[in-house]
Amino acid sequence: MVREKSKYYNFQEPLHVYVVADASVFIWGKRPEGELITVPSVEAELRDIRSKSLLHIFEARVESPSSQAVKRAHTAARETGDIAVLSPADLEVLAKALEYDAVLATDDYALQNVALHLGLKIEPIGQAKIKRLRRRVQRCQGCGKSFEGEACPDCGTPARKKKRCIR
């Protein structure tokens, strides 16, 4: 007798899932499924006793990312234009997720944007997931050209503080 495929049971071994957690996991107190990993800078961001306790209750491993992974995360954030709004802790979380090819648990929209550009999976904690991938560009108020830096290289107009998003 041959065992038929069932829509109710999965006869395969369960997959081992790594989840790299941003501070929002411990602040909201919602533990995602899988083996939880975070970085030392996230641990330092946790200020109150409750969120620090949840780090230990959730049995999260604290590991530093490799310098190669941090460089890759930095490059990706620069390409999407999110580098200006991401903290060093955000870049380390992203780098750790790249190392493990893990699910990234975060509510930070800029971090979600870069992670999705890199092909990582996202698990939002307390807010909705981003709906569209975006690339931030800076446009000159004087001549309208896009540029990076403090001033437009063509006409010299100073940069605006806010960047526009294009799809």
C-alpha atoms as a PDB file:
ATOM      1  CA  MET A   1       0.000   0.000   0.000  1.00  0.00           C
ATOM      2  CA  VAL A   2       1.377   3.396  -1.023  1.00  0.00           C
ATOM      3  CA  ARG A   3       0.997   6.320   1.341  1.00  0.00           C
ATOM      4  CA  GLU A   4      -0.889   9.120  -0.399  1.00  0.00           C
ATOM      5  CA  LYS A   5       0.012  12.740  -0.109  1.00  0.00           C
ATOM      6  CA  SER A   6      -1.998  14.408   2.609  1.00  0.00           C
ATOM      7  CA  LYS A   7      -2.965  18.044   2.822  1.00  0.00           C
ATOM      8  CA  TYR A   8      -2.947  17.757   6.620  1.00  0.00           C
ATOM      9  CA  TYR A   9       0.409  16.182   7.324  1.00  0.00           C
ATOM     10  CA  ASN A  10       3.916  16.915   6.193  1.00  0.00           C
ATOM     11  CA  PHE A  11       5.997  13.751   6.413  1.00  0.00           C
ATOM     12  CA  GLN A  12       9.279  15.572   5.845  1.00  0.00           C
ATOM     13  CA  GLU A  13      11.670  16.637   8.576  1.00  0.00           C
ATOM     14  CA  PRO A  14      10.919  20.129   9.926  1.00  0.00           C
ATOM     15  CA  LEU A  15      13.142  22.838   8.495  1.00  0.00           C
ATOM     16  CA  HIS A  16      15.493  24.685  10.840  1.00  0.00           C
ATOM     17  CA  VAL A  17      14.719  28.389  10.635  1.00  0.00           C
ATOM     18  CA  TYR A  18      17.026  31.135  11.863  1.00  0.00           C
ATOM     19  CA  VAL A  19      15.469  34.475  12.799  1.00  0.00           C
ATOM     20  CA  VAL A  20      17.632  37.550  13.311  1.00  0.00           C
ATOM     21  CA  ALA A  21      15.894  39.926  15.700  1.00  0.00           C
ATOM     22  CA  ASP A  22      15.917  43.696  15.805  1.00  0.00           C
ATOM     23  CA  ALA A  23      15.189  45.498  19.099  1.00  0.00           C
ATOM     24  CA  SER A  24      11.471  45.626  18.235  1.00  0.00           C
ATOM     25  CA  VAL A  25      11.159  41.891  19.009  1.00  0.00           C
ATOM     26  CA  PHE A  26      12.179  42.467  22.618  1.00  0.00           C
ATOM     27  CA  ILE A  27      10.373  45.792  22.972  1.00  0.00           C
ATOM     28  CA  TRP A  28       7.042  44.385  21.701  1.00  0.00           C
ATOM     29  CA  GLY A  29       7.617  41.072  23.478  1.00  0.00           C
ATOM     30  CA  LYS A  30       6.539  38.920  20.521  1.00  0.00           C
ATOM     31  CA  ARG A  31       8.781  35.951  19.870  1.00  0.00           C
ATOM     32  CA  PRO A  32       8.952  34.750  16.254  1.00  0.00           C
ATOM     33  CA  GLU A  33       9.193  31.010  15.529  1.00  0.00           C
ATOM     34  CA  GLY A  34      12.694  29.669  14.959  1.00  0.00           C
ATOM     35  CA  GLU A  35      16.150  29.949  16.471  1.00  0.00           C
ATOM     36  CA  LEU A  36      16.534  33.560  17.589  1.00  0.00           C
ATOM     37  CA  ILE A  37      19.788  35.465  17.002  1.00  0.00           C
ATOM     38  CA  THR A  38      20.616  39.116  17.601  1.00  0.00           C
ATOM     39  CA  VAL A  39      23.708  41.329  17.692  1.00  0.00           C
ATOM     40  CA  PRO A  40      25.504  43.048  20.623  1.00  0.00           C
ATOM     41  CA  SER A  41      24.421  46.533  19.494  1.00  0.00           C
ATOM     42  CA  VAL A  42      20.749  45.505  19.749  1.00  0.00           C
ATOM     43  CA  GLU A  43      21.404  44.182  23.237  1.00  0.00           C
ATOM     44  CA  ALA A  44      22.907  47.600  24.097  1.00  0.00           C
ATOM     45  CA  GLU A  45      19.807  49.376  22.701  1.00  0.00           C
ATOM     46  CA  LEU A  46      17.533  47.606  25.195  1.00  0.00           C
ATOM     47  CA  ARG A  47      17.102  50.058  28.074  1.00  0.00           C
ATOM     48  CA  ASP A  48      14.311  48.764  30.314  1.00  0.00           C
ATOM     49  CA  ILE A  49      14.419  45.656  32.490  1.00  0.00           C
ATOM     50  CA  ARG A  50      11.461  44.035  30.674  1.00  0.00           C
ATOM     51  CA  SER A  51      13.055  44.058  27.218  1.00  0.00           C
ATOM     52  CA  LYS A  52      16.436  42.989  28.637  1.00  0.00           C
ATOM     53  CA  SER A  53      14.720  40.103  30.424  1.00  0.00           C
ATOM     54  CA  LEU A  54      12.912  39.052  27.243  1.00  0.00           C
ATOM     55  CA  LEU A  55      16.274  38.754  25.492  1.00  0.00           C
ATOM     56  CA  HIS A  56      17.139  35.987  27.969  1.00  0.00           C
ATOM     57  CA  ILE A  57      13.625  34.503  28.221  1.00  0.00           C
ATOM     58  CA  PHE A  58      13.485  34.134  24.424  1.00  0.00           C
ATOM     59  CA  GLU A  59      16.900  32.408  24.592  1.00  0.00           C
ATOM     60  CA  ALA A  60      18.334  34.645  21.884  1.00  0.00           C
ATOM     61  CA  ARG A  61      21.955  34.088  20.921  1.00  0.00           C
ATOM     62  CA  VAL A  62      24.003  37.282  20.738  1.00  0.00           C
ATOM     63  CA  GLU A  63      26.632  37.175  17.974  1.00  0.00           C
ATOM     64  CA  SER A  64      28.659  39.796  16.158  1.00  0.00           C
ATOM     65  CA  PRO A  65      28.469  39.790  12.347  1.00  0.00           C
ATOM     66  CA  SER A  66      31.541  39.316  10.195  1.00  0.00           C
ATOM     67  CA  SER A  67      33.170  42.388   8.671  1.00  0.00           C
ATOM     68  CA  GLN A  68      32.442  41.044   5.165  1.00  0.00           C
ATOM     69  CA  ALA A  69      28.723  40.794   5.929  1.00  0.00           C
ATOM     70  CA  VAL A  70      28.716  44.327   7.385  1.00  0.00           C
ATOM     71  CA  LYS A  71      30.355  45.643   4.196  1.00  0.00           C
ATOM     72  CA  ARG A  72      27.762  43.847   2.064  1.00  0.00           C
ATOM     73  CA  ALA A  73      24.903  45.283   4.180  1.00  0.00           C
ATOM     74  CA  HIS A  74      26.449  48.767   3.977  1.00  0.00           C
ATOM     75  CA  THR A  75      26.761  48.528   0.194  1.00  0.00           C
ATOM     76  CA  ALA A  76      23.154  47.385  -0.187  1.00  0.00           C
ATOM     77  CA  ALA A  77      21.907  50.207   2.065  1.00  0.00           C
ATOM     78  CA  ARG A  78      23.853  52.713   0.005  1.00  0.00           C
ATOM     79  CA  GLU A  79      22.367  51.334  -3.234  1.00  0.00           C
ATOM     80  CA  THR A  80      18.794  51.701  -1.939  1.00  0.00           C
ATOM     81  CA  GLY A  81      19.518  55.116  -0.440  1.00  0.00           C
ATOM     82  CA  ASP A  82      18.559  53.983   3.072  1.00  0.00           C
ATOM     83  CA  ILE A  83      22.089  54.357   4.458  1.00  0.00           C
ATOM     84  CA  ALA A  84      21.304  57.796   5.922  1.00  0.00           C
ATOM     85  CA  VAL A  85      18.412  56.507   8.065  1.00  0.00           C
ATOM     86  CA  LEU A  86      19.888  53.179   9.208  1.00  0.00           C
ATOM     87  CA  SER A  87      21.800  53.009  12.483  1.00  0.00           C
ATOM     88  CA  PRO A  88      24.964  50.935  12.959  1.00  0.00           C
ATOM     89  CA  ALA A  89      22.811  48.447  14.918  1.00  0.00           C
ATOM     90  CA  ASP A  90      20.447  48.148  11.926  1.00  0.00           C
ATOM     91  CA  LEU A  91      23.367  47.432   9.604  1.00  0.00           C
ATOM     92  CA  GLU A  92      24.705  44.766  11.985  1.00  0.00           C
ATOM     93  CA  VAL A  93      21.283  43.084  12.191  1.00  0.00           C
ATOM     94  CA  LEU A  94      21.084  43.102   8.401  1.00  0.00           C
ATOM     95  CA  ALA A  95      24.623  41.692   8.139  1.00  0.00           C
ATOM     96  CA  LYS A  96      23.798  38.875  10.572  1.00  0.00           C
ATOM     97  CA  ALA A  97      20.670  38.001   8.576  1.00  0.00           C
ATOM     98  CA  LEU A  98      22.832  37.849   5.442  1.00  0.00           C
ATOM     99  CA  GLU A  99      25.303  35.483   7.133  1.00  0.00           C
ATOM    100  CA  TYR A 100      22.610  32.985   8.078  1.00  0.00           C
ATOM    101  CA  ASP A 101      20.287  33.682   5.128  1.00  0.00           C
ATOM    102  CA  ALA A 102      17.776  34.155   7.933  1.00  0.00           C
ATOM    103  CA  VAL A 103      14.360  35.694   8.375  1.00  0.00           C
ATOM    104  CA  LEU A 104      14.689  39.285   9.576  1.00  0.00           C
ATOM    105  CA  ALA A 105      12.289  40.226  12.371  1.00  0.00           C
ATOM    106  CA  THR A 106      11.894  44.018  12.420  1.00  0.00           C
ATOM    107  CA  ASP A 107       9.404  46.866  12.209  1.00  0.00           C
ATOM    108  CA  ASP A 108      11.912  49.324  10.713  1.00  0.00           C
ATOM    109  CA  TYR A 109      10.704  50.137   7.191  1.00  0.00           C
ATOM    110  CA  ALA A 110      14.122  51.200   5.885  1.00  0.00           C
ATOM    111  CA  LEU A 111      15.644  47.974   7.209  1.00  0.00           C
ATOM    112  CA  GLN A 112      12.828  45.963   5.627  1.00  0.00           C
ATOM    113  CA  ASN A 113      13.413  47.739   2.310  1.00  0.00           C
ATOM    114  CA  VAL A 114      17.124  46.894   2.192  1.00  0.00           C
ATOM    115  CA  ALA A 115      16.470  43.305   3.321  1.00  0.00           C
ATOM    116  CA  LEU A 116      13.890  42.762   0.586  1.00  0.00           C
ATOM    117  CA  HIS A 117      16.289  44.215  -2.005  1.00  0.00           C
ATOM    118  CA  LEU A 118      18.791  41.575  -0.827  1.00  0.00           C
ATOM    119  CA  GLY A 119      16.223  38.789  -1.141  1.00  0.00           C
ATOM    120  CA  LEU A 120      15.818  38.161   2.596  1.00  0.00           C
ATOM    121  CA  LYS A 121      12.490  37.237   4.175  1.00  0.00           C
ATOM    122  CA  ILE A 122      10.854  39.691   6.565  1.00  0.00           C
ATOM    123  CA  GLU A 123       8.712  39.102   9.630  1.00  0.00           C
ATOM    124  CA  PRO A 124       7.155  42.289  11.015  1.00  0.00           C
ATOM    125  CA  ILE A 125       6.532  42.333  14.767  1.00  0.00           C
ATOM    126  CA  GLY A 126       4.013  45.034  15.669  1.00  0.00           C
ATOM    127  CA  GLN A 127       3.386  46.920  12.437  1.00  0.00           C
ATOM    128  CA  ALA A 128       2.541  46.103   8.845  1.00  0.00           C
ATOM    129  CA  LYS A 129       5.157  44.905   6.367  1.00  0.00           C
ATOM    130  CA  ILE A 130       6.216  47.366   3.648  1.00  0.00           C
ATOM    131  CA  LYS A 131       4.109  47.076   0.527  1.00  0.00           C
ATOM    132  CA  ARG A 132       6.560  48.234  -2.127  1.00  0.00           C
ATOM    133  CA  LEU A 133      10.300  48.214  -2.595  1.00  0.00           C
ATOM    134  CA  ARG A 134      11.668  51.720  -2.721  1.00  0.00           C
ATOM    135  CA  ARG A 135      14.887  53.398  -3.704  1.00  0.00           C
ATOM    136  CA  ARG A 136      15.639  56.737  -2.097  1.00  0.00           C
ATOM    137  CA  VAL A 137      17.106  59.427  -4.322  1.00  0.00           C
ATOM    138  CA  GLN A 138      18.031  63.012  -3.693  1.00  0.00           C
ATOM    139  CA  ARG A 139      16.860  65.552  -6.255  1.00  0.00           C
ATOM    140  CA  CYS A 140      18.338  68.994  -6.669  1.00  0.00           C
ATOM    141  CA  GLN A 141      15.878  71.840  -6.014  1.00  0.00           C
ATOM    142  CA  GLY A 142      17.718  73.984  -8.537  1.00  0.00           C
ATOM    143  CA  CYS A 143      18.249  71.821 -11.624  1.00  0.00           C
ATOM    144  CA  GLY A 144      16.168  68.720 -10.786  1.00  0.00           C
ATOM    145  CA  LYS A 145      18.957  66.170 -11.277  1.00  0.00           C
ATOM    146  CA  SER A 146      19.455  63.307  -8.821  1.00  0.00           C
ATOM    147  CA  PHE A 147      22.684  63.237  -6.823  1.00  0.00           C
ATOM    148  CA  GLU A 148      24.344  62.041  -3.619  1.00  0.00           C
ATOM    149  CA  GLY A 149      26.173  64.178  -1.097  1.00  0.00           C
ATOM    150  CA  GLU A 150      25.861  67.597   0.502  1.00  0.00           C
ATOM    151  CA  ALA A 151      25.419  69.700  -2.660  1.00  0.00           C
ATOM    152  CA  CYS A 152      24.492  69.184  -6.310  1.00  0.00           C
ATOM    153  CA  PRO A 153      27.672  68.638  -8.346  1.00  0.00           C
ATOM    154  CA  ASP A 154      26.140  70.409 -11.378  1.00  0.00           C
ATOM    155  CA  CYS A 155      24.748  73.658  -9.934  1.00  0.00           C
ATOM    156  CA  GLY A 156      25.951  73.678  -6.303  1.00  0.00           C
ATOM    157  CA  THR A 157      22.503  73.867  -4.667  1.00  0.00           C
ATOM    158  CA  PRO A 158      22.625  72.454  -1.112  1.00  0.00           C
ATOM    159  CA  ALA A 159      20.861  69.152  -0.476  1.00  0.00           C
ATOM    160  CA  ARG A 160      17.468  68.950   1.185  1.00  0.00           C
ATOM    161  CA  LYS A 161      17.295  67.030   4.421  1.00  0.00           C
ATOM    162  CA  LYS A 162      14.499  64.769   3.149  1.00  0.00           C
ATOM    163  CA  LYS A 163      14.944  62.349   0.289  1.00  0.00           C
ATOM    164  CA  ARG A 164      12.241  61.347  -2.160  1.00  0.00           C
ATOM    165  CA  CYS A 165      11.348  57.742  -2.823  1.00  0.00           C
ATOM    166  CA  ILE A 166      10.979  56.282  -6.268  1.00  0.00           C
ATOM    167  CA  ARG A 167       9.565  52.852  -7.026  1.00  0.00           C
END
